[in-house]
Amino acid sequence: MSSSKTVTGVVGGLATALAWGGMFTVAQSAYHHLDPFHLTAARFTLGALIFVALLALKEGTAAFRYEGNLAKVWLLGTVGFAGFNLLTYVGLRSMPAQSSSLVVATMPLVTVIVLWIRTGKAPAPLALAFVALALTGLTVVLGNGNPLAVFSGGIGTGGLLTLIGVICWVVYTTSAAKFPGWSPLRYTALSCVPGTISILAVTAVSQAAGWVGSYGTGAYTASWWQILYVAVPATAVAILSWNIANRNLGPANGVLFINLVPVTAFVISAFQGHTPTAAQLTGIGLVMVSLIGANVATRRHAARASRVAAPGTAAAPVAAAAHAVAASSGG
């Protein structure tokens, strides 16, 4: 691997971590003017247009054919873009931005569980141990030092909604393997468009039912910079940078940059005067150690599996699925 590719990959990974780490605080600040539904709708209306333009420029109009997969891609786009982003943004209303980012950063660990259920192949035992440790760390942070609060309802619904959203995103991104002939950009663009339509439909129904408010142009212009941030740096730029990081560094190394997302969010909150407690710092440490440890464990497990695999067969390490999460994530 050349040094220039390494540097470019590291810069890409850092750019993504910074963009995603700041997104939670930025999105939360927009709630003074817009609710999570309308903010998500504005974000992905703009984001979808950007992805469509990029796909047209890079792969041409032929790449817009669904090849008989419109219904399947629409469902996946709805689960991924509508499910993950609406649940995460709604969850932000009842939990700190830095805690939300910590839940989202467990995507690689959630992937381990989802793939285990989907394929029936158990991951490395050590990886499972790190998953348990990460969940313990999360309960410490979300319960502000009291892990049992998760069982008594002390952390509210925000953490649960965000975790469900993460599961939705993992299901969406790991399903990219069903379209081997499509590039990550094509899969993202073709699923983002119908996913955005679903977001707009859910927002319209919620507004008509009185579950969310109605907003004029003034609310959008008052939130213009937040909308621009979550749609451009935190969506289009972050995804392209993440693709570069994983292509240049390899998925097993590229996925490690997701560990910096909650770190960035906690640093931003510290500059805003929100000093984390000792219990929260302990929980953060447990999650960070778990993310790195699980990555190392799955890589070693995959390496052993590939050594014993028969000639002509392909080992499928869990790290490849984590790469899918990273490559298409628009969190």
Protein backbone atom coordinates (compact mmCIF):
# COMPACT_ATOMS: atom_id res chain seq x y z
CA MET A 1 0.00 0.00 0.00
CA SER A 2 1.51 3.35 -1.01
CA SER A 3 1.99 6.08 1.57
CA SER A 4 -0.17 8.49 -0.44
CA LYS A 5 -3.09 6.03 -0.43
CA THR A 6 -2.66 5.53 3.30
CA VAL A 7 -2.67 9.27 3.98
CA THR A 8 -5.71 9.76 1.72
CA GLY A 9 -7.52 6.92 3.48
CA VAL A 10 -6.76 8.29 6.94
CA VAL A 11 -7.89 11.78 5.93
CA GLY A 12 -11.10 10.30 4.53
CA GLY A 13 -11.80 8.35 7.71
CA LEU A 14 -11.11 11.36 9.92
CA ALA A 15 -13.33 13.60 7.77
CA THR A 16 -16.21 11.15 8.14
CA ALA A 17 -15.75 10.77 11.89
CA LEU A 18 -15.75 14.54 12.36
CA ALA A 19 -18.81 15.06 10.14
CA TRP A 20 -20.84 12.30 11.80
CA GLY A 21 -19.65 13.22 15.30
CA GLY A 22 -20.92 16.78 14.88
CA MET A 23 -24.16 15.78 13.20
CA PHE A 24 -26.02 14.86 16.39
CA THR A 25 -25.43 18.21 18.06
CA VAL A 26 -26.24 20.12 14.86
CA ALA A 27 -29.46 18.17 14.29
CA GLN A 28 -30.54 18.67 17.89
CA SER A 29 -30.01 22.44 17.57
CA ALA A 30 -32.48 22.52 14.66
CA TYR A 31 -35.33 21.31 16.90
CA HIS A 32 -35.95 24.91 17.93
CA HIS A 33 -37.45 25.41 14.47
CA LEU A 34 -38.27 21.96 13.00
CA ASP A 35 -39.32 18.61 14.41
CA PRO A 36 -37.30 15.43 13.63
CA PHE A 37 -39.70 14.37 10.85
CA HIS A 38 -39.48 17.60 8.85
CA LEU A 39 -35.72 17.88 9.45
CA THR A 40 -35.20 14.33 8.17
CA ALA A 41 -37.42 15.03 5.15
CA ALA A 42 -35.45 18.16 4.28
CA ARG A 43 -32.13 16.40 4.79
CA PHE A 44 -32.82 13.52 2.46
CA THR A 45 -34.67 15.51 -0.16
CA LEU A 46 -31.43 17.42 -0.63
CA GLY A 47 -29.28 14.35 -0.02
CA ALA A 48 -31.13 12.26 -2.61
CA LEU A 49 -30.67 14.98 -5.22
CA ILE A 50 -26.94 15.00 -4.52
CA PHE A 51 -26.67 11.21 -4.80
CA VAL A 52 -28.65 11.20 -8.05
CA ALA A 53 -26.36 13.88 -9.51
CA LEU A 54 -23.24 11.99 -8.44
CA LEU A 55 -24.51 8.72 -9.90
CA ALA A 56 -25.40 10.39 -13.20
CA LEU A 57 -21.96 11.99 -13.44
CA LYS A 58 -20.00 8.87 -12.48
CA GLU A 59 -21.98 5.98 -14.00
CA GLY A 60 -24.38 7.58 -16.47
CA THR A 61 -28.13 7.25 -16.91
CA ALA A 62 -27.92 3.47 -17.45
CA ALA A 63 -27.14 3.09 -13.74
CA PHE A 64 -30.66 4.27 -12.84
CA ARG A 65 -32.27 1.00 -13.98
CA TYR A 66 -33.65 -1.04 -11.09
CA GLU A 67 -33.50 -4.25 -13.14
CA GLY A 68 -36.75 -5.57 -11.68
CA ASN A 69 -35.68 -4.83 -8.08
CA LEU A 70 -37.70 -1.66 -7.43
CA ALA A 71 -39.99 -3.17 -4.78
CA LYS A 72 -37.10 -4.83 -2.93
CA VAL A 73 -34.92 -1.72 -3.08
CA TRP A 74 -37.83 0.49 -2.00
CA LEU A 75 -38.40 -1.69 1.06
CA LEU A 76 -34.70 -1.66 1.94
CA GLY A 77 -34.47 2.11 1.39
CA THR A 78 -37.47 2.63 3.65
CA VAL A 79 -36.01 0.40 6.38
CA GLY A 80 -32.60 2.05 6.09
CA PHE A 81 -33.16 5.73 5.42
CA ALA A 82 -36.62 6.19 6.95
CA GLY A 83 -36.24 3.66 9.76
CA PHE A 84 -32.76 4.59 10.92
CA ASN A 85 -32.88 8.35 10.51
CA LEU A 86 -36.41 8.99 11.78
CA LEU A 87 -35.89 6.79 14.84
CA THR A 88 -32.48 8.30 15.57
CA TYR A 89 -33.68 11.87 15.22
CA VAL A 90 -36.79 11.23 17.31
CA GLY A 91 -34.56 9.57 19.91
CA LEU A 92 -32.42 12.71 20.01
CA ARG A 93 -35.35 14.54 21.55
CA SER A 94 -35.03 12.60 24.79
CA MET A 95 -31.30 11.88 25.08
CA PRO A 96 -28.02 13.81 24.83
CA ALA A 97 -26.39 14.05 21.40
CA GLN A 98 -23.20 12.37 22.62
CA SER A 99 -25.12 9.39 24.03
CA SER A 100 -26.96 8.98 20.72
CA SER A 101 -23.65 8.95 18.84
CA LEU A 102 -22.35 6.24 21.18
CA VAL A 103 -25.32 4.00 20.40
CA VAL A 104 -24.84 4.58 16.65
CA ALA A 105 -21.13 3.72 16.94
CA THR A 106 -22.04 0.16 17.92
CA MET A 107 -23.02 -0.61 14.30
CA PRO A 108 -20.14 -3.07 13.75
CA LEU A 109 -21.13 -4.95 16.90
CA VAL A 110 -24.81 -5.02 15.92
CA THR A 111 -23.66 -6.36 12.54
CA VAL A 112 -22.08 -9.33 14.29
CA ILE A 113 -25.45 -10.25 15.81
CA VAL A 114 -27.49 -9.59 12.64
CA LEU A 115 -25.17 -11.75 10.52
CA TRP A 116 -25.26 -14.50 13.11
CA ILE A 117 -29.07 -14.55 12.91
CA ARG A 118 -29.09 -14.27 9.11
CA THR A 119 -26.41 -16.86 8.29
CA GLY A 120 -26.56 -19.14 11.30
CA LYS A 121 -22.77 -18.92 11.58
CA ALA A 122 -21.60 -18.01 15.05
CA PRO A 123 -18.93 -15.30 15.27
CA ALA A 124 -15.72 -15.67 17.23
CA PRO A 125 -16.46 -16.29 20.94
CA LEU A 126 -14.18 -13.41 21.88
CA ALA A 127 -16.14 -11.10 19.58
CA LEU A 128 -19.34 -12.06 21.39
CA ALA A 129 -17.67 -11.29 24.70
CA PHE A 130 -16.79 -7.82 23.41
CA VAL A 131 -20.39 -7.33 22.26
CA ALA A 132 -21.57 -8.03 25.81
CA LEU A 133 -18.93 -5.66 27.19
CA ALA A 134 -20.01 -2.90 24.77
CA LEU A 135 -23.65 -3.27 25.76
CA THR A 136 -22.61 -3.02 29.41
CA GLY A 137 -20.72 0.16 28.61
CA LEU A 138 -23.75 1.59 26.85
CA THR A 139 -26.00 0.94 29.82
CA VAL A 140 -23.46 2.65 32.08
CA VAL A 141 -23.43 5.77 29.87
CA LEU A 142 -27.17 5.91 29.19
CA GLY A 143 -28.00 5.17 32.82
CA ASN A 144 -25.45 7.76 34.00
CA GLY A 145 -23.60 5.19 36.06
CA ASN A 146 -26.54 2.90 36.83
CA PRO A 147 -26.70 0.02 34.31
CA LEU A 148 -29.90 -1.29 35.92
CA ALA A 149 -31.71 1.87 34.78
CA VAL A 150 -32.15 0.24 31.39
CA PHE A 151 -34.46 -2.32 33.01
CA SER A 152 -36.39 0.20 35.10
CA GLY A 153 -37.01 2.64 32.28
CA GLY A 154 -34.67 5.23 33.71
CA ILE A 155 -33.09 6.04 30.34
CA GLY A 156 -36.37 6.76 28.56
CA THR A 157 -37.19 5.69 25.02
CA GLY A 158 -34.49 7.63 23.18
CA GLY A 159 -31.81 4.97 23.55
CA LEU A 160 -34.17 2.17 22.58
CA LEU A 161 -35.41 4.02 19.48
CA THR A 162 -31.84 4.73 18.40
CA LEU A 163 -30.81 1.10 18.88
CA ILE A 164 -33.78 -0.08 16.79
CA GLY A 165 -32.74 2.46 14.17
CA VAL A 166 -29.21 1.05 14.17
CA ILE A 167 -30.61 -2.44 13.60
CA CYS A 168 -32.63 -1.08 10.65
CA TRP A 169 -29.50 0.46 9.15
CA VAL A 170 -27.46 -2.72 9.57
CA VAL A 171 -30.19 -4.76 7.86
CA TYR A 172 -30.24 -2.24 5.00
CA THR A 173 -26.48 -2.02 4.51
CA THR A 174 -25.73 -5.73 4.79
CA SER A 175 -28.43 -6.32 2.17
CA ALA A 176 -26.17 -4.58 -0.36
CA ALA A 177 -24.63 -8.02 -0.91
CA LYS A 178 -27.83 -8.97 -2.74
CA PHE A 179 -26.82 -6.57 -5.53
CA PRO A 180 -23.25 -7.64 -6.36
CA GLY A 181 -23.32 -5.91 -9.73
CA TRP A 182 -24.14 -2.52 -8.24
CA SER A 183 -21.52 -0.09 -6.94
CA PRO A 184 -21.96 1.31 -3.40
CA LEU A 185 -22.91 4.66 -4.94
CA ARG A 186 -25.56 3.06 -7.15
CA TYR A 187 -27.06 1.08 -4.28
CA THR A 188 -27.09 4.17 -2.08
CA ALA A 189 -28.64 6.44 -4.73
CA LEU A 190 -31.27 4.00 -5.99
CA SER A 191 -32.37 3.14 -2.44
CA CYS A 192 -32.16 6.71 -1.13
CA VAL A 193 -34.68 8.03 -3.67
CA PRO A 194 -37.59 5.70 -2.72
CA GLY A 195 -36.48 5.84 0.92
CA THR A 196 -36.83 9.62 0.79
CA ILE A 197 -40.31 9.28 -0.75
CA SER A 198 -41.24 7.08 2.21
CA ILE A 199 -39.87 9.69 4.62
CA LEU A 200 -41.94 12.40 2.92
CA ALA A 201 -45.05 10.18 3.06
CA VAL A 202 -44.60 9.37 6.76
CA THR A 203 -44.06 13.07 7.51
CA ALA A 204 -47.17 14.08 5.54
CA VAL A 205 -49.34 11.45 7.28
CA SER A 206 -47.97 12.43 10.70
CA GLN A 207 -48.70 16.08 10.00
CA ALA A 208 -52.23 15.36 8.75
CA ALA A 209 -52.92 13.26 11.85
CA GLY A 210 -51.69 16.04 14.11
CA TRP A 211 -48.77 14.01 15.49
CA VAL A 212 -46.28 16.64 14.32
CA GLY A 213 -46.62 20.31 13.56
CA SER A 214 -46.88 22.19 10.29
CA TYR A 215 -44.09 24.55 9.25
CA GLY A 216 -43.82 27.43 6.83
CA THR A 217 -40.80 28.49 4.83
CA GLY A 218 -39.59 30.58 7.77
CA ALA A 219 -38.81 27.48 9.82
CA TYR A 220 -36.69 26.04 7.02
CA THR A 221 -34.82 29.27 6.37
CA ALA A 222 -34.17 29.61 10.11
CA SER A 223 -32.63 26.11 10.04
CA TRP A 224 -30.82 26.51 6.72
CA TRP A 225 -27.33 25.84 8.02
CA GLN A 226 -28.37 22.77 10.02
CA ILE A 227 -30.16 21.33 6.97
CA LEU A 228 -27.14 22.08 4.81
CA TYR A 229 -24.80 20.42 7.30
CA VAL A 230 -26.75 17.20 7.76
CA ALA A 231 -27.37 16.89 4.00
CA VAL A 232 -23.93 17.77 2.62
CA PRO A 233 -21.03 17.16 5.07
CA ALA A 234 -22.84 14.54 7.17
CA THR A 235 -24.38 12.69 4.23
CA ALA A 236 -22.83 13.16 0.80
CA VAL A 237 -19.27 14.13 1.80
CA ALA A 238 -19.11 11.69 4.72
CA ILE A 239 -20.17 8.72 2.61
CA LEU A 240 -17.67 9.51 -0.16
CA SER A 241 -14.88 10.00 2.40
CA TRP A 242 -15.81 6.73 4.09
CA ASN A 243 -15.69 4.88 0.77
CA ILE A 244 -12.22 6.30 0.16
CA ALA A 245 -11.04 5.27 3.62
CA ASN A 246 -12.26 1.70 3.22
CA ARG A 247 -10.93 1.36 -0.34
CA ASN A 248 -7.45 2.67 0.56
CA LEU A 249 -7.05 1.17 4.02
CA GLY A 250 -9.16 -1.97 3.69
CA PRO A 251 -12.47 -2.60 5.45
CA ALA A 252 -10.95 -4.08 8.60
CA ASN A 253 -8.95 -0.91 9.21
CA GLY A 254 -11.42 1.59 7.73
CA VAL A 255 -14.25 0.53 10.01
CA LEU A 256 -12.20 1.49 13.06
CA PHE A 257 -12.82 5.16 12.32
CA ILE A 258 -16.41 4.78 13.48
CA ASN A 259 -14.91 4.59 16.98
CA LEU A 260 -14.08 8.30 16.69
CA VAL A 261 -17.70 9.36 16.10
CA PRO A 262 -18.77 9.36 19.76
CA VAL A 263 -15.38 10.75 20.80
CA THR A 264 -16.00 13.73 18.49
CA ALA A 265 -19.52 14.17 19.87
CA PHE A 266 -18.31 14.10 23.49
CA VAL A 267 -15.52 16.61 22.71
CA ILE A 268 -18.07 18.97 21.13
CA SER A 269 -20.34 18.64 24.16
CA ALA A 270 -17.37 19.39 26.46
CA PHE A 271 -16.69 22.64 24.57
CA GLN A 272 -20.36 23.48 25.09
CA GLY A 273 -19.90 23.10 28.84
CA HIS A 274 -21.32 19.59 29.29
CA THR A 275 -18.64 17.78 31.25
CA PRO A 276 -19.14 13.98 31.26
CA THR A 277 -19.31 12.27 34.63
CA ALA A 278 -16.76 9.69 35.78
CA ALA A 279 -19.36 6.95 35.24
CA GLN A 280 -20.00 8.11 31.68
CA LEU A 281 -16.27 8.20 30.92
CA THR A 282 -15.99 4.65 32.24
CA GLY A 283 -18.82 3.53 30.00
CA ILE A 284 -17.29 5.29 27.00
CA GLY A 285 -14.00 3.51 27.67
CA LEU A 286 -15.75 0.12 27.80
CA VAL A 287 -17.46 0.75 24.46
CA MET A 288 -14.25 1.95 22.77
CA VAL A 289 -12.25 -1.05 24.01
CA SER A 290 -15.06 -3.35 22.90
CA LEU A 291 -15.26 -1.89 19.39
CA ILE A 292 -11.53 -2.24 18.81
CA GLY A 293 -11.34 -5.63 20.52
CA ALA A 294 -14.24 -7.05 18.51
CA ASN A 295 -12.63 -5.82 15.29
CA VAL A 296 -9.34 -7.53 16.13
CA ALA A 297 -11.11 -10.72 17.21
CA THR A 298 -13.19 -10.98 14.02
CA ARG A 299 -10.13 -10.35 11.84
CA ARG A 300 -8.20 -13.12 13.57
CA HIS A 301 -11.20 -15.43 13.37
CA ALA A 302 -11.56 -14.70 9.65
CA ALA A 303 -7.85 -15.26 9.07
CA ARG A 304 -8.00 -18.68 10.75
CA ALA A 305 -11.11 -19.57 8.75
CA SER A 306 -9.44 -18.63 5.48
CA ARG A 307 -6.40 -20.76 6.28
CA VAL A 308 -8.52 -23.87 6.79
CA ALA A 309 -10.92 -23.15 3.91
CA ALA A 310 -10.75 -25.57 1.03
CA PRO A 311 -9.17 -24.33 -2.22
CA GLY A 312 -11.70 -22.52 -4.38
CA THR A 313 -13.97 -21.51 -1.49
CA ALA A 314 -14.32 -18.00 -0.13
CA ALA A 315 -14.17 -17.14 3.52
CA ALA A 316 -16.58 -14.35 4.44
CA PRO A 317 -15.31 -12.47 7.47
CA VAL A 318 -17.66 -10.35 9.52
CA ALA A 319 -15.40 -7.40 8.75
CA ALA A 320 -16.75 -7.38 5.20
CA ALA A 321 -20.24 -6.75 6.54
CA ALA A 322 -18.91 -4.02 8.78
CA HIS A 323 -17.47 -2.49 5.62
CA ALA A 324 -20.92 -2.53 4.07
CA VAL A 325 -22.25 -0.65 7.09
CA ALA A 326 -19.51 1.93 6.77
CA ALA A 327 -19.59 2.26 3.01
CA SER A 328 -23.27 3.10 2.67
CA SER A 329 -23.91 4.79 5.99
CA GLY A 330 -25.59 8.13 5.88
CA GLY A 331 -26.31 8.23 9.59
